[in-house]
């Protein structure tokens, strides 16, 4: 693990949040995201047969993207996800036990935080990146302002990120963004329009590349 895997995860600037997608469609969705250049795939723990999907996705796409687990609420879920092959753990909240498990197994851990105090606490406990959640409430300016005193902490906004505001977050100093509904378009998935989903993913990764330039 270590820095190489983290670098790969953050490379595209997009961590796609894959939540509760039908089992017969989920591998197509992941394939389309990877085709669009997304390097971080987060499978949420409340998805159908998630541990099996993580295993399968890692086998199939592990050379192109970093596959991890999201909505990891406690140490038990963390262990299960890691045993299934998750390379990173995303959590909506800050739990020291979850961070400890990730560190024990040498995996990337990204807990959810909302305040500067939580951000610092997360980093002191060993978080690799902090997930600012819900970012829609905080906005890009929050990242810009907090980076003054806490510039050494890698920040990843999640919640309410879309194609129109992602560049603002990246320019404010976010290392990447967690993207859910605005990328996981229900109609495209329901209708099996994988080329269109891949094109949308490409639009997101291109926005990040331009914002970083």
C-alpha atoms as a PDB file:
ATOM      1  CA  UNK A   1       0.000   0.000   0.000  1.00  0.00           C
ATOM      2  CA  UNK A   2       1.268   3.320   1.057  1.00  0.00           C
ATOM      3  CA  UNK A   3       1.674   6.412  -0.994  1.00  0.00           C
ATOM      4  CA  UNK A   4       1.563   4.722  -4.410  1.00  0.00           C
ATOM      5  CA  UNK A   5      -1.949   3.415  -3.889  1.00  0.00           C
ATOM      6  CA  UNK A   6      -3.093   6.761  -2.464  1.00  0.00           C
ATOM      7  CA  UNK A   7      -1.592   8.552  -5.453  1.00  0.00           C
ATOM      8  CA  UNK A   8      -3.494   6.218  -7.809  1.00  0.00           C
ATOM      9  CA  UNK A   9      -6.712   6.764  -5.899  1.00  0.00           C
ATOM     10  CA  UNK A  10      -6.433  10.555  -6.161  1.00  0.00           C
ATOM     11  CA  UNK A  11      -5.051  10.581  -9.712  1.00  0.00           C
ATOM     12  CA  UNK A  12      -8.331  11.323 -11.511  1.00  0.00           C
ATOM     13  CA  UNK A  13      -9.654  13.501  -8.692  1.00  0.00           C
ATOM     14  CA  UNK A  14     -12.906  11.529  -8.745  1.00  0.00           C
ATOM     15  CA  UNK A  15     -14.023   8.902  -6.271  1.00  0.00           C
ATOM     16  CA  UNK A  16     -17.290   7.556  -7.661  1.00  0.00           C
ATOM     17  CA  UNK A  17     -19.816   6.600  -5.004  1.00  0.00           C
ATOM     18  CA  UNK A  18     -21.513   3.422  -6.229  1.00  0.00           C
ATOM     19  CA  UNK A  19     -24.526   2.939  -3.968  1.00  0.00           C
ATOM     20  CA  UNK A  20     -27.213   0.244  -4.169  1.00  0.00           C
ATOM     21  CA  UNK A  21     -26.922  -0.515  -7.876  1.00  0.00           C
ATOM     22  CA  UNK A  22     -28.700  -3.697  -9.054  1.00  0.00           C
ATOM     23  CA  UNK A  23     -26.341  -6.638  -9.119  1.00  0.00           C
ATOM     24  CA  UNK A  24     -26.925  -7.327 -12.797  1.00  0.00           C
ATOM     25  CA  UNK A  25     -25.829  -3.768 -13.640  1.00  0.00           C
ATOM     26  CA  UNK A  26     -23.115  -2.949 -11.135  1.00  0.00           C
ATOM     27  CA  UNK A  27     -20.135  -4.363 -13.066  1.00  0.00           C
ATOM     28  CA  UNK A  28     -21.271  -2.494 -16.189  1.00  0.00           C
ATOM     29  CA  UNK A  29     -21.412   0.711 -14.130  1.00  0.00           C
ATOM     30  CA  UNK A  30     -17.907   0.191 -12.745  1.00  0.00           C
ATOM     31  CA  UNK A  31     -16.623  -0.625 -16.229  1.00  0.00           C
ATOM     32  CA  UNK A  32     -18.091   2.602 -17.631  1.00  0.00           C
ATOM     33  CA  UNK A  33     -16.592   4.682 -14.802  1.00  0.00           C
ATOM     34  CA  UNK A  34     -13.156   3.150 -15.332  1.00  0.00           C
ATOM     35  CA  UNK A  35     -13.457   3.739 -19.071  1.00  0.00           C
ATOM     36  CA  UNK A  36     -14.175   7.402 -18.305  1.00  0.00           C
ATOM     37  CA  UNK A  37     -10.920   7.665 -16.374  1.00  0.00           C
ATOM     38  CA  UNK A  38     -12.226   7.428 -12.803  1.00  0.00           C
ATOM     39  CA  UNK A  39      -9.482   5.981 -10.574  1.00  0.00           C
ATOM     40  CA  UNK A  40     -11.430   5.605  -7.334  1.00  0.00           C
ATOM     41  CA  UNK A  41     -14.481   3.336  -7.053  1.00  0.00           C
ATOM     42  CA  UNK A  42     -16.291   3.337  -3.731  1.00  0.00           C
ATOM     43  CA  UNK A  43     -18.769   0.511  -3.173  1.00  0.00           C
ATOM     44  CA  UNK A  44     -21.050   1.442  -0.283  1.00  0.00           C
ATOM     45  CA  UNK A  45     -21.527  -1.223   2.383  1.00  0.00           C
ATOM     46  CA  UNK A  46     -25.316  -0.954   2.118  1.00  0.00           C
ATOM     47  CA  UNK A  47     -25.247  -2.233  -1.487  1.00  0.00           C
ATOM     48  CA  UNK A  48     -26.499  -5.720  -2.460  1.00  0.00           C
ATOM     49  CA  UNK A  49     -23.866  -8.434  -2.069  1.00  0.00           C
ATOM     50  CA  UNK A  50     -21.253  -5.718  -1.671  1.00  0.00           C
ATOM     51  CA  UNK A  51     -18.366  -7.904  -0.487  1.00  0.00           C
ATOM     52  CA  UNK A  52     -18.668 -10.166  -3.505  1.00  0.00           C
ATOM     53  CA  UNK A  53     -18.875  -7.147  -5.826  1.00  0.00           C
ATOM     54  CA  UNK A  54     -15.727  -5.606  -4.283  1.00  0.00           C
ATOM     55  CA  UNK A  55     -13.906  -8.897  -4.844  1.00  0.00           C
ATOM     56  CA  UNK A  56     -15.074  -9.171  -8.448  1.00  0.00           C
ATOM     57  CA  UNK A  57     -14.432  -5.506  -9.274  1.00  0.00           C
ATOM     58  CA  UNK A  58     -10.919  -5.709  -7.875  1.00  0.00           C
ATOM     59  CA  UNK A  59     -10.166  -8.798  -9.940  1.00  0.00           C
ATOM     60  CA  UNK A  60     -11.502  -7.203 -13.118  1.00  0.00           C
ATOM     61  CA  UNK A  61     -10.502  -3.545 -12.752  1.00  0.00           C
ATOM     62  CA  UNK A  62      -7.878  -3.500  -9.996  1.00  0.00           C
ATOM     63  CA  UNK A  63      -5.129  -2.653 -12.459  1.00  0.00           C
ATOM     64  CA  UNK A  64      -6.964   0.477 -13.654  1.00  0.00           C
ATOM     65  CA  UNK A  65      -8.695   1.779 -10.537  1.00  0.00           C
ATOM     66  CA  UNK A  66      -8.521   1.529  -6.764  1.00  0.00           C
ATOM     67  CA  UNK A  67     -11.551  -0.325  -5.422  1.00  0.00           C
ATOM     68  CA  UNK A  68     -12.740   0.443  -1.912  1.00  0.00           C
ATOM     69  CA  UNK A  69     -15.675   0.406   0.467  1.00  0.00           C
ATOM     70  CA  UNK A  70     -17.867   3.281   1.592  1.00  0.00           C
ATOM     71  CA  UNK A  71     -20.332   3.912   4.415  1.00  0.00           C
ATOM     72  CA  UNK A  72     -17.986   1.968   6.698  1.00  0.00           C
ATOM     73  CA  UNK A  73     -19.474   2.745  10.097  1.00  0.00           C
ATOM     74  CA  UNK A  74     -17.464   0.568  12.460  1.00  0.00           C
ATOM     75  CA  UNK A  75     -14.483  -1.749  12.897  1.00  0.00           C
ATOM     76  CA  UNK A  76     -16.501  -4.877  12.018  1.00  0.00           C
ATOM     77  CA  UNK A  77     -17.538  -3.456   8.652  1.00  0.00           C
ATOM     78  CA  UNK A  78     -13.953  -2.306   8.082  1.00  0.00           C
ATOM     79  CA  UNK A  79     -12.549  -5.796   8.645  1.00  0.00           C
ATOM     80  CA  UNK A  80     -15.171  -7.396   6.374  1.00  0.00           C
ATOM     81  CA  UNK A  81     -14.475  -4.889   3.583  1.00  0.00           C
ATOM     82  CA  UNK A  82     -10.712  -5.346   3.812  1.00  0.00           C
ATOM     83  CA  UNK A  83     -11.047  -9.137   3.777  1.00  0.00           C
ATOM     84  CA  UNK A  84     -13.101  -8.823   0.584  1.00  0.00           C
ATOM     85  CA  UNK A  85     -10.236  -6.859  -0.964  1.00  0.00           C
ATOM     86  CA  UNK A  86     -11.119  -3.195  -0.362  1.00  0.00           C
ATOM     87  CA  UNK A  87      -8.045  -0.994  -0.789  1.00  0.00           C
ATOM     88  CA  UNK A  88      -9.573   2.006   0.948  1.00  0.00           C
ATOM     89  CA  UNK A  89     -12.319   2.735   3.463  1.00  0.00           C
ATOM     90  CA  UNK A  90     -14.623   5.740   3.249  1.00  0.00           C
ATOM     91  CA  UNK A  91     -16.713   6.652   6.266  1.00  0.00           C
ATOM     92  CA  UNK A  92     -19.362   9.343   6.716  1.00  0.00           C
ATOM     93  CA  UNK A  93     -18.189   9.881  10.302  1.00  0.00           C
ATOM     94  CA  UNK A  94     -14.988   9.911  12.360  1.00  0.00           C
ATOM     95  CA  UNK A  95     -14.330   6.629  14.184  1.00  0.00           C
ATOM     96  CA  UNK A  96     -10.944   5.895  15.692  1.00  0.00           C
ATOM     97  CA  UNK A  97     -11.635   2.144  15.618  1.00  0.00           C
ATOM     98  CA  UNK A  98     -12.221   2.191  11.859  1.00  0.00           C
ATOM     99  CA  UNK A  99      -8.982   4.128  11.328  1.00  0.00           C
ATOM    100  CA  UNK A 100      -7.082   1.659  13.537  1.00  0.00           C
ATOM    101  CA  UNK A 101      -8.332  -1.323  11.526  1.00  0.00           C
ATOM    102  CA  UNK A 102      -7.343   0.315   8.229  1.00  0.00           C
ATOM    103  CA  UNK A 103      -3.873   1.149   9.546  1.00  0.00           C
ATOM    104  CA  UNK A 104      -3.423  -2.369  10.950  1.00  0.00           C
ATOM    105  CA  UNK A 105      -4.009  -3.835   7.484  1.00  0.00           C
ATOM    106  CA  UNK A 106      -2.136  -1.111   5.612  1.00  0.00           C
ATOM    107  CA  UNK A 107      -5.196   0.283   3.841  1.00  0.00           C
ATOM    108  CA  UNK A 108      -6.147   3.860   2.965  1.00  0.00           C
ATOM    109  CA  UNK A 109      -8.714   5.396   5.304  1.00  0.00           C
ATOM    110  CA  UNK A 110     -10.813   8.488   4.630  1.00  0.00           C
ATOM    111  CA  UNK A 111     -13.163   9.376   7.507  1.00  0.00           C
ATOM    112  CA  UNK A 112     -15.964  11.919   7.315  1.00  0.00           C
ATOM    113  CA  UNK A 113     -15.418  15.219   9.110  1.00  0.00           C
ATOM    114  CA  UNK A 114     -17.191  18.558   9.295  1.00  0.00           C
ATOM    115  CA  UNK A 115     -15.107  20.872  11.492  1.00  0.00           C
ATOM    116  CA  UNK A 116     -11.449  21.920  11.669  1.00  0.00           C
ATOM    117  CA  UNK A 117     -11.212  20.165  15.057  1.00  0.00           C
ATOM    118  CA  UNK A 118     -12.412  16.878  13.547  1.00  0.00           C
ATOM    119  CA  UNK A 119     -10.048  17.304  10.616  1.00  0.00           C
ATOM    120  CA  UNK A 120      -7.047  17.621  12.905  1.00  0.00           C
ATOM    121  CA  UNK A 121      -8.249  14.768  15.113  1.00  0.00           C
ATOM    122  CA  UNK A 122      -8.669  12.518  12.071  1.00  0.00           C
ATOM    123  CA  UNK A 123      -5.171  13.295  10.893  1.00  0.00           C
ATOM    124  CA  UNK A 124      -3.660  12.671  14.323  1.00  0.00           C
ATOM    125  CA  UNK A 125      -5.403   9.269  14.421  1.00  0.00           C
ATOM    126  CA  UNK A 126      -3.863   8.372  11.066  1.00  0.00           C
ATOM    127  CA  UNK A 127      -6.380   9.326   8.366  1.00  0.00           C
ATOM    128  CA  UNK A 128      -4.808   9.592   4.893  1.00  0.00           C
ATOM    129  CA  UNK A 129      -7.382  12.088   3.626  1.00  0.00           C
ATOM    130  CA  UNK A 130     -10.440  13.625   5.287  1.00  0.00           C
ATOM    131  CA  UNK A 131     -13.832  13.540   3.645  1.00  0.00           C
ATOM    132  CA  UNK A 132     -15.649  16.840   4.133  1.00  0.00           C
ATOM    133  CA  UNK A 133     -19.247  15.752   4.382  1.00  0.00           C
ATOM    134  CA  UNK A 134     -21.764  17.047   3.469  1.00  0.00           C
ATOM    135  CA  UNK A 135     -19.724  19.424   1.315  1.00  0.00           C
ATOM    136  CA  UNK A 136     -22.860  21.104  -0.054  1.00  0.00           C
ATOM    137  CA  UNK A 137     -23.329  22.798   3.338  1.00  0.00           C
ATOM    138  CA  UNK A 138     -19.698  23.954   3.590  1.00  0.00           C
ATOM    139  CA  UNK A 139     -18.865  25.012   0.020  1.00  0.00           C
ATOM    140  CA  UNK A 140     -15.495  25.584  -1.691  1.00  0.00           C
ATOM    141  CA  UNK A 141     -14.723  28.696   0.351  1.00  0.00           C
ATOM    142  CA  UNK A 142     -14.608  26.590   3.515  1.00  0.00           C
ATOM    143  CA  UNK A 143     -11.775  24.519   2.025  1.00  0.00           C
ATOM    144  CA  UNK A 144      -9.902  27.622   0.934  1.00  0.00           C
ATOM    145  CA  UNK A 145     -10.186  29.212   4.385  1.00  0.00           C
ATOM    146  CA  UNK A 146      -9.337  26.090   6.385  1.00  0.00           C
ATOM    147  CA  UNK A 147      -6.309  25.345   4.233  1.00  0.00           C
ATOM    148  CA  UNK A 148      -4.663  28.401   5.791  1.00  0.00           C
ATOM    149  CA  UNK A 149      -3.996  26.774   9.170  1.00  0.00           C
ATOM    150  CA  UNK A 150      -4.543  23.144   8.070  1.00  0.00           C
ATOM    151  CA  UNK A 151      -2.875  23.037   4.668  1.00  0.00           C
ATOM    152  CA  UNK A 152      -1.059  19.793   5.509  1.00  0.00           C
ATOM    153  CA  UNK A 153      -4.345  17.866   5.644  1.00  0.00           C
ATOM    154  CA  UNK A 154      -5.652  16.401   2.382  1.00  0.00           C
ATOM    155  CA  UNK A 155      -9.311  17.306   1.942  1.00  0.00           C
ATOM    156  CA  UNK A 156     -11.914  15.582  -0.192  1.00  0.00           C
ATOM    157  CA  UNK A 157     -15.398  17.122  -0.362  1.00  0.00           C
ATOM    158  CA  UNK A 158     -18.334  14.744  -0.830  1.00  0.00           C
ATOM    159  CA  UNK A 159     -22.051  15.492  -1.043  1.00  0.00           C
ATOM    160  CA  UNK A 160     -23.606  17.804  -3.612  1.00  0.00           C
ATOM    161  CA  UNK A 161     -20.613  17.754  -5.977  1.00  0.00           C
ATOM    162  CA  UNK A 162     -21.600  18.075  -9.634  1.00  0.00           C
ATOM    163  CA  UNK A 163     -20.096  18.892 -13.016  1.00  0.00           C
ATOM    164  CA  UNK A 164     -20.697  22.635 -12.493  1.00  0.00           C
ATOM    165  CA  UNK A 165     -19.046  23.064  -9.097  1.00  0.00           C
ATOM    166  CA  UNK A 166     -16.301  20.425  -9.000  1.00  0.00           C
ATOM    167  CA  UNK A 167     -13.700  22.765 -10.508  1.00  0.00           C
ATOM    168  CA  UNK A 168     -14.372  25.304  -7.718  1.00  0.00           C
ATOM    169  CA  UNK A 169     -13.598  22.687  -5.073  1.00  0.00           C
ATOM    170  CA  UNK A 170     -10.413  21.531  -6.827  1.00  0.00           C
ATOM    171  CA  UNK A 171      -9.230  25.115  -7.283  1.00  0.00           C
ATOM    172  CA  UNK A 172      -9.959  25.787  -3.599  1.00  0.00           C
ATOM    173  CA  UNK A 173      -7.475  23.039  -2.751  1.00  0.00           C
ATOM    174  CA  UNK A 174      -9.402  19.754  -2.619  1.00  0.00           C
ATOM    175  CA  UNK A 175      -7.225  16.759  -3.587  1.00  0.00           C
ATOM    176  CA  UNK A 176     -10.249  15.007  -5.099  1.00  0.00           C
ATOM    177  CA  UNK A 177     -14.027  14.841  -4.702  1.00  0.00           C
ATOM    178  CA  UNK A 178     -16.475  12.091  -3.906  1.00  0.00           C
ATOM    179  CA  UNK A 179     -19.199  12.146  -6.543  1.00  0.00           C
ATOM    180  CA  UNK A 180     -22.514  10.320  -6.233  1.00  0.00           C
ATOM    181  CA  UNK A 181     -25.867  11.080  -7.840  1.00  0.00           C
ATOM    182  CA  UNK A 182     -24.656  13.669 -10.349  1.00  0.00           C
ATOM    183  CA  UNK A 183     -22.439  11.010 -11.967  1.00  0.00           C
ATOM    184  CA  UNK A 184     -24.534   7.913 -11.210  1.00  0.00           C
ATOM    185  CA  UNK A 185     -27.393   9.072 -13.417  1.00  0.00           C
ATOM    186  CA  UNK A 186     -30.352   6.793 -12.654  1.00  0.00           C
ATOM    187  CA  UNK A 187     -31.813   6.916 -16.156  1.00  0.00           C
ATOM    188  CA  UNK A 188     -28.508   6.016 -17.842  1.00  0.00           C
ATOM    189  CA  UNK A 189     -28.073   3.068 -15.485  1.00  0.00           C
ATOM    190  CA  UNK A 190     -31.663   1.877 -15.775  1.00  0.00           C
ATOM    191  CA  UNK A 191     -31.488   2.019 -19.572  1.00  0.00           C
ATOM    192  CA  UNK A 192     -28.028   0.454 -19.717  1.00  0.00           C
ATOM    193  CA  UNK A 193     -26.491   3.411 -21.563  1.00  0.00           C
ATOM    194  CA  UNK A 194     -22.926   2.541 -20.605  1.00  0.00           C
ATOM    195  CA  UNK A 195     -21.282   4.650 -23.331  1.00  0.00           C
ATOM    196  CA  UNK A 196     -23.118   7.724 -22.090  1.00  0.00           C
ATOM    197  CA  UNK A 197     -22.146   6.951 -18.502  1.00  0.00           C
ATOM    198  CA  UNK A 198     -18.508   6.594 -19.572  1.00  0.00           C
ATOM    199  CA  UNK A 199     -18.736   9.926 -21.419  1.00  0.00           C
ATOM    200  CA  UNK A 200     -20.163  11.610 -18.316  1.00  0.00           C
ATOM    201  CA  UNK A 201     -17.350  10.142 -16.189  1.00  0.00           C
ATOM    202  CA  UNK A 202     -14.870  11.479 -18.769  1.00  0.00           C
ATOM    203  CA  UNK A 203     -16.468  14.936 -18.512  1.00  0.00           C
ATOM    204  CA  UNK A 204     -15.907  14.891 -14.748  1.00  0.00           C
ATOM    205  CA  UNK A 205     -12.276  13.717 -14.947  1.00  0.00           C
ATOM    206  CA  UNK A 206     -11.578  16.314 -17.665  1.00  0.00           C
ATOM    207  CA  UNK A 207     -13.003  19.098 -15.443  1.00  0.00           C
ATOM    208  CA  UNK A 208     -10.656  18.065 -12.643  1.00  0.00           C
ATOM    209  CA  UNK A 209      -7.638  17.950 -14.974  1.00  0.00           C
ATOM    210  CA  UNK A 210      -8.440  21.448 -16.254  1.00  0.00           C
ATOM    211  CA  UNK A 211      -8.952  22.794 -12.711  1.00  0.00           C
ATOM    212  CA  UNK A 212      -5.611  21.363 -11.625  1.00  0.00           C
ATOM    213  CA  UNK A 213      -3.737  22.772 -14.621  1.00  0.00           C
END
